[in-house]
N, C-alpha and C. Protein backbone atom coordinates (compact mmCIF):
# COMPACT_ATOMS: atom_id res chain seq x y z
N MET A 1 14.98 -9.76 -10.02
CA MET A 1 15.54 -10.24 -8.78
C MET A 1 14.61 -11.20 -8.10
N SER A 2 15.09 -12.33 -7.75
CA SER A 2 14.23 -13.34 -7.11
C SER A 2 14.91 -13.76 -5.78
N ILE A 3 14.13 -13.74 -4.70
CA ILE A 3 14.67 -14.17 -3.46
C ILE A 3 13.74 -15.24 -2.91
N SER A 4 14.32 -16.16 -2.13
CA SER A 4 13.49 -17.25 -1.58
C SER A 4 13.19 -17.02 -0.12
N LYS A 5 13.96 -16.12 0.53
CA LYS A 5 13.69 -15.86 1.94
C LYS A 5 14.18 -14.46 2.26
N ILE A 6 13.45 -13.76 3.11
CA ILE A 6 13.83 -12.46 3.59
C ILE A 6 14.77 -12.63 4.77
N SER A 7 15.95 -12.13 4.65
CA SER A 7 16.95 -12.24 5.72
C SER A 7 16.62 -11.20 6.81
N PRO A 8 17.11 -11.46 8.02
CA PRO A 8 16.92 -10.46 9.10
C PRO A 8 17.48 -9.09 8.73
N GLU A 9 18.55 -9.10 7.99
CA GLU A 9 19.17 -7.82 7.56
C GLU A 9 18.27 -7.05 6.63
N LEU A 10 17.72 -7.78 5.62
CA LEU A 10 16.83 -7.15 4.65
C LEU A 10 15.56 -6.70 5.36
N PHE A 11 15.06 -7.53 6.30
CA PHE A 11 13.88 -7.16 7.05
C PHE A 11 14.12 -5.86 7.83
N GLN A 12 15.24 -5.72 8.49
CA GLN A 12 15.52 -4.50 9.25
C GLN A 12 15.59 -3.29 8.29
N LYS A 13 16.14 -3.50 7.10
CA LYS A 13 16.18 -2.39 6.10
C LYS A 13 14.75 -2.01 5.73
N LEU A 14 13.90 -2.98 5.46
CA LEU A 14 12.50 -2.67 5.12
C LEU A 14 11.77 -1.98 6.23
N VAL A 15 11.98 -2.41 7.47
CA VAL A 15 11.38 -1.80 8.63
C VAL A 15 11.81 -0.36 8.69
N GLY A 16 13.10 -0.08 8.48
CA GLY A 16 13.59 1.27 8.54
C GLY A 16 13.01 2.13 7.42
N LEU A 17 12.90 1.58 6.22
CA LEU A 17 12.31 2.33 5.08
C LEU A 17 10.83 2.67 5.33
N ALA A 18 10.14 1.75 6.03
CA ALA A 18 8.73 1.98 6.32
C ALA A 18 8.54 2.82 7.57
N ALA A 19 9.64 3.14 8.22
CA ALA A 19 9.60 3.94 9.47
C ALA A 19 8.69 3.32 10.52
N LEU A 20 8.83 1.97 10.69
CA LEU A 20 8.06 1.24 11.66
C LEU A 20 8.85 1.17 12.98
N GLU A 21 8.11 1.14 14.07
CA GLU A 21 8.73 0.92 15.36
C GLU A 21 8.09 -0.37 15.90
N LEU A 22 8.89 -1.49 15.90
CA LEU A 22 8.39 -2.77 16.25
C LEU A 22 9.12 -3.32 17.47
N THR A 23 8.40 -4.06 18.30
CA THR A 23 9.06 -4.74 19.38
C THR A 23 9.77 -5.97 18.80
N ASP A 24 10.64 -6.59 19.61
CA ASP A 24 11.31 -7.82 19.12
C ASP A 24 10.28 -8.87 18.74
N GLU A 25 9.23 -8.99 19.55
CA GLU A 25 8.20 -10.00 19.29
C GLU A 25 7.47 -9.73 18.00
N GLU A 26 7.11 -8.44 17.79
CA GLU A 26 6.44 -8.03 16.58
C GLU A 26 7.31 -8.26 15.36
N SER A 27 8.59 -7.96 15.48
CA SER A 27 9.56 -8.15 14.38
C SER A 27 9.63 -9.59 13.99
N ALA A 28 9.77 -10.47 15.02
CA ALA A 28 9.89 -11.91 14.75
C ALA A 28 8.63 -12.43 14.05
N TYR A 29 7.46 -12.03 14.54
CA TYR A 29 6.22 -12.44 13.95
C TYR A 29 6.07 -11.94 12.51
N LEU A 30 6.36 -10.68 12.26
CA LEU A 30 6.19 -10.07 10.95
C LEU A 30 7.20 -10.69 9.95
N LEU A 31 8.43 -10.94 10.36
CA LEU A 31 9.40 -11.56 9.50
C LEU A 31 8.92 -12.98 9.10
N THR A 32 8.43 -13.72 10.05
CA THR A 32 7.92 -15.08 9.79
C THR A 32 6.74 -15.01 8.78
N GLU A 33 5.82 -14.09 8.99
CA GLU A 33 4.65 -13.96 8.15
C GLU A 33 5.07 -13.53 6.71
N MET A 34 5.98 -12.59 6.64
CA MET A 34 6.44 -12.15 5.34
C MET A 34 7.10 -13.29 4.57
N ASN A 35 7.86 -14.12 5.25
CA ASN A 35 8.49 -15.29 4.60
C ASN A 35 7.46 -16.30 4.18
N HIS A 36 6.39 -16.46 4.94
CA HIS A 36 5.28 -17.37 4.53
C HIS A 36 4.67 -16.85 3.26
N GLN A 37 4.40 -15.53 3.20
CA GLN A 37 3.79 -14.95 2.00
C GLN A 37 4.75 -15.06 0.82
N LEU A 38 5.99 -14.80 1.01
CA LEU A 38 6.99 -14.94 -0.10
C LEU A 38 7.05 -16.36 -0.57
N SER A 39 6.96 -17.32 0.32
CA SER A 39 6.96 -18.74 -0.06
C SER A 39 5.70 -19.04 -0.91
N SER A 40 4.57 -18.47 -0.56
CA SER A 40 3.35 -18.68 -1.34
C SER A 40 3.46 -18.07 -2.73
N VAL A 41 4.01 -16.87 -2.82
CA VAL A 41 4.21 -16.25 -4.13
C VAL A 41 5.14 -17.10 -4.97
N ASN A 42 6.24 -17.54 -4.40
CA ASN A 42 7.18 -18.40 -5.15
C ASN A 42 6.53 -19.68 -5.63
N ALA A 43 5.66 -20.23 -4.82
CA ALA A 43 4.93 -21.48 -5.23
C ALA A 43 4.00 -21.15 -6.42
N LEU A 44 3.30 -20.01 -6.37
CA LEU A 44 2.46 -19.59 -7.50
C LEU A 44 3.25 -19.38 -8.75
N LEU A 45 4.43 -18.87 -8.65
CA LEU A 45 5.26 -18.66 -9.84
C LEU A 45 5.71 -19.96 -10.51
N GLN A 46 5.60 -21.06 -9.80
CA GLN A 46 5.95 -22.34 -10.37
C GLN A 46 4.82 -22.98 -11.17
N VAL A 47 3.61 -22.44 -11.11
CA VAL A 47 2.48 -22.96 -11.83
C VAL A 47 2.69 -22.75 -13.32
N PRO A 48 2.68 -23.81 -14.14
CA PRO A 48 2.95 -23.62 -15.58
C PRO A 48 1.69 -22.97 -16.25
N LEU A 49 1.98 -21.95 -17.05
CA LEU A 49 0.94 -21.26 -17.76
C LEU A 49 1.29 -21.22 -19.27
N ASP A 50 0.28 -21.29 -20.10
CA ASP A 50 0.48 -21.12 -21.53
C ASP A 50 0.93 -19.68 -21.84
N ALA A 51 1.77 -19.52 -22.82
CA ALA A 51 2.28 -18.20 -23.17
C ALA A 51 1.19 -17.26 -23.57
N ASP A 52 0.06 -17.74 -24.09
CA ASP A 52 -0.99 -16.82 -24.54
C ASP A 52 -1.95 -16.38 -23.42
N ILE A 53 -1.76 -16.81 -22.22
CA ILE A 53 -2.60 -16.37 -21.11
C ILE A 53 -2.14 -15.01 -20.66
N GLN A 54 -3.07 -14.06 -20.70
CA GLN A 54 -2.76 -12.67 -20.33
C GLN A 54 -3.00 -12.49 -18.80
N PRO A 55 -2.14 -11.69 -18.16
CA PRO A 55 -2.38 -11.40 -16.76
C PRO A 55 -3.65 -10.60 -16.52
N THR A 56 -4.28 -10.79 -15.38
CA THR A 56 -5.48 -10.08 -15.05
C THR A 56 -5.54 -9.78 -13.57
N LEU A 57 -6.31 -8.77 -13.18
CA LEU A 57 -6.47 -8.51 -11.74
C LEU A 57 -7.57 -9.33 -11.15
N HIS A 58 -8.45 -9.92 -11.97
CA HIS A 58 -9.56 -10.71 -11.50
C HIS A 58 -9.90 -11.69 -12.60
N GLY A 59 -10.71 -12.69 -12.26
CA GLY A 59 -11.01 -13.75 -13.23
C GLY A 59 -12.33 -13.56 -13.97
N ILE A 60 -12.99 -12.45 -13.83
CA ILE A 60 -14.29 -12.23 -14.50
C ILE A 60 -14.22 -11.04 -15.43
N GLN A 61 -15.06 -11.08 -16.46
CA GLN A 61 -15.19 -9.93 -17.34
C GLN A 61 -16.02 -8.85 -16.66
N CYS A 62 -15.57 -7.60 -16.80
CA CYS A 62 -16.35 -6.48 -16.25
C CYS A 62 -17.59 -6.28 -17.04
N GLN A 63 -18.68 -6.00 -16.35
CA GLN A 63 -19.96 -5.77 -17.01
C GLN A 63 -20.42 -4.35 -16.74
N GLY A 64 -21.28 -3.81 -17.56
CA GLY A 64 -21.83 -2.51 -17.31
C GLY A 64 -20.90 -1.46 -17.91
N SER A 65 -21.18 -0.23 -17.50
CA SER A 65 -20.38 0.88 -18.02
C SER A 65 -19.01 0.92 -17.34
N GLY A 66 -18.07 1.46 -18.02
CA GLY A 66 -16.72 1.58 -17.46
C GLY A 66 -16.65 2.60 -16.37
N PRO A 67 -15.49 2.85 -15.85
CA PRO A 67 -15.34 3.83 -14.77
C PRO A 67 -15.71 5.23 -15.33
N ARG A 68 -16.19 6.07 -14.45
CA ARG A 68 -16.53 7.41 -14.82
C ARG A 68 -15.27 8.23 -15.05
N ALA A 69 -15.40 9.27 -15.81
CA ALA A 69 -14.25 10.15 -16.08
C ALA A 69 -13.80 10.80 -14.79
N ASP A 70 -12.50 10.91 -14.63
CA ASP A 70 -11.95 11.56 -13.45
C ASP A 70 -11.87 13.07 -13.72
N VAL A 71 -12.94 13.80 -13.38
CA VAL A 71 -13.02 15.19 -13.63
C VAL A 71 -13.10 15.91 -12.29
N TRP A 72 -12.28 16.93 -12.13
CA TRP A 72 -12.31 17.71 -10.91
C TRP A 72 -13.54 18.57 -10.86
N GLN A 73 -14.24 18.45 -9.70
CA GLN A 73 -15.42 19.26 -9.49
C GLN A 73 -15.27 19.97 -8.16
N PRO A 74 -15.19 21.28 -8.14
CA PRO A 74 -15.06 21.99 -6.88
C PRO A 74 -16.26 21.82 -5.98
N PHE A 75 -16.01 21.69 -4.68
CA PHE A 75 -17.13 21.63 -3.72
C PHE A 75 -17.68 23.04 -3.61
N PRO A 76 -19.02 23.17 -3.67
CA PRO A 76 -19.59 24.51 -3.73
C PRO A 76 -19.35 25.37 -2.49
N THR A 77 -19.24 24.72 -1.32
CA THR A 77 -19.06 25.49 -0.09
C THR A 77 -17.93 24.86 0.75
N PRO A 78 -16.67 25.12 0.39
CA PRO A 78 -15.56 24.49 1.13
C PRO A 78 -15.54 24.91 2.57
N SER A 79 -16.10 26.06 2.91
CA SER A 79 -16.09 26.52 4.30
C SER A 79 -16.82 25.54 5.17
N GLU A 80 -17.80 24.82 4.65
CA GLU A 80 -18.53 23.82 5.45
C GLU A 80 -17.60 22.69 5.85
N ILE A 81 -16.73 22.29 4.94
CA ILE A 81 -15.81 21.20 5.27
C ILE A 81 -14.78 21.71 6.25
N LEU A 82 -14.24 22.84 6.01
CA LEU A 82 -13.18 23.40 6.91
C LEU A 82 -13.73 23.71 8.29
N ALA A 83 -15.03 23.91 8.45
CA ALA A 83 -15.62 24.18 9.74
C ALA A 83 -15.43 23.04 10.72
N GLY A 84 -15.32 21.83 10.20
CA GLY A 84 -15.12 20.63 11.05
C GLY A 84 -13.68 20.34 11.40
N ALA A 85 -12.78 21.11 10.82
CA ALA A 85 -11.35 20.84 11.04
C ALA A 85 -10.89 21.42 12.40
N PRO A 86 -10.02 20.71 13.08
CA PRO A 86 -9.50 21.23 14.38
C PRO A 86 -8.68 22.47 14.18
N GLU A 87 -8.00 22.62 13.01
CA GLU A 87 -7.15 23.77 12.77
C GLU A 87 -7.08 24.00 11.27
N THR A 88 -7.14 25.26 10.88
CA THR A 88 -7.02 25.63 9.46
C THR A 88 -5.99 26.76 9.32
N GLU A 89 -5.52 26.90 8.11
CA GLU A 89 -4.52 27.91 7.82
C GLU A 89 -4.70 28.32 6.37
N ALA A 90 -4.94 29.58 6.12
CA ALA A 90 -5.11 30.16 4.79
C ALA A 90 -6.13 29.37 3.96
N GLY A 91 -7.25 29.02 4.61
CA GLY A 91 -8.31 28.31 3.87
C GLY A 91 -8.04 26.84 3.57
N MET A 92 -7.08 26.27 4.28
CA MET A 92 -6.72 24.86 4.10
C MET A 92 -6.60 24.16 5.46
N PHE A 93 -6.68 22.83 5.42
CA PHE A 93 -6.44 22.08 6.69
C PHE A 93 -5.00 22.27 7.12
N ALA A 94 -4.86 22.47 8.42
CA ALA A 94 -3.49 22.59 8.98
C ALA A 94 -3.19 21.18 9.60
N VAL A 95 -2.08 20.61 9.23
CA VAL A 95 -1.72 19.30 9.75
C VAL A 95 -0.29 19.38 10.30
N PRO A 96 0.02 18.52 11.29
CA PRO A 96 1.39 18.55 11.86
C PRO A 96 2.42 18.02 10.89
N ASP A 97 3.63 18.41 11.07
CA ASP A 97 4.72 17.88 10.24
C ASP A 97 4.85 16.41 10.44
N VAL A 98 5.25 15.68 9.40
CA VAL A 98 5.48 14.26 9.43
C VAL A 98 6.87 13.99 9.95
N LYS A 99 6.95 13.16 10.96
CA LYS A 99 8.27 12.85 11.57
C LYS A 99 9.17 12.17 10.52
N GLY A 100 10.37 12.75 10.32
CA GLY A 100 11.35 12.18 9.43
C GLY A 100 11.14 12.57 8.01
N ALA A 101 10.12 13.38 7.68
CA ALA A 101 9.91 13.81 6.27
C ALA A 101 10.91 14.94 5.94
N LYS A 102 11.32 14.93 4.68
CA LYS A 102 12.29 15.91 4.28
C LYS A 102 11.67 16.83 3.23
């Protein structure tokens, strides 16, 4: 799907999905900025590239060792962390319900 401009209707749908509360002024500004960004992305898509060019997240080769293994390591004294919490429940952080979450 390719779009050239975000319509006010689509923008309102996106605002609703993101659960944002915006003033009319903020909405107008954000819609304009999003359309500027979309225009920039569409311009970049028009740049001709050879078929053998692979996509990358950055333009340099990574040096050194790779990322460390993602291994779970329990904190030796979790009570120290919980001591700084405003509220705990059953040995865990207690947090308020998220508005609109199901």
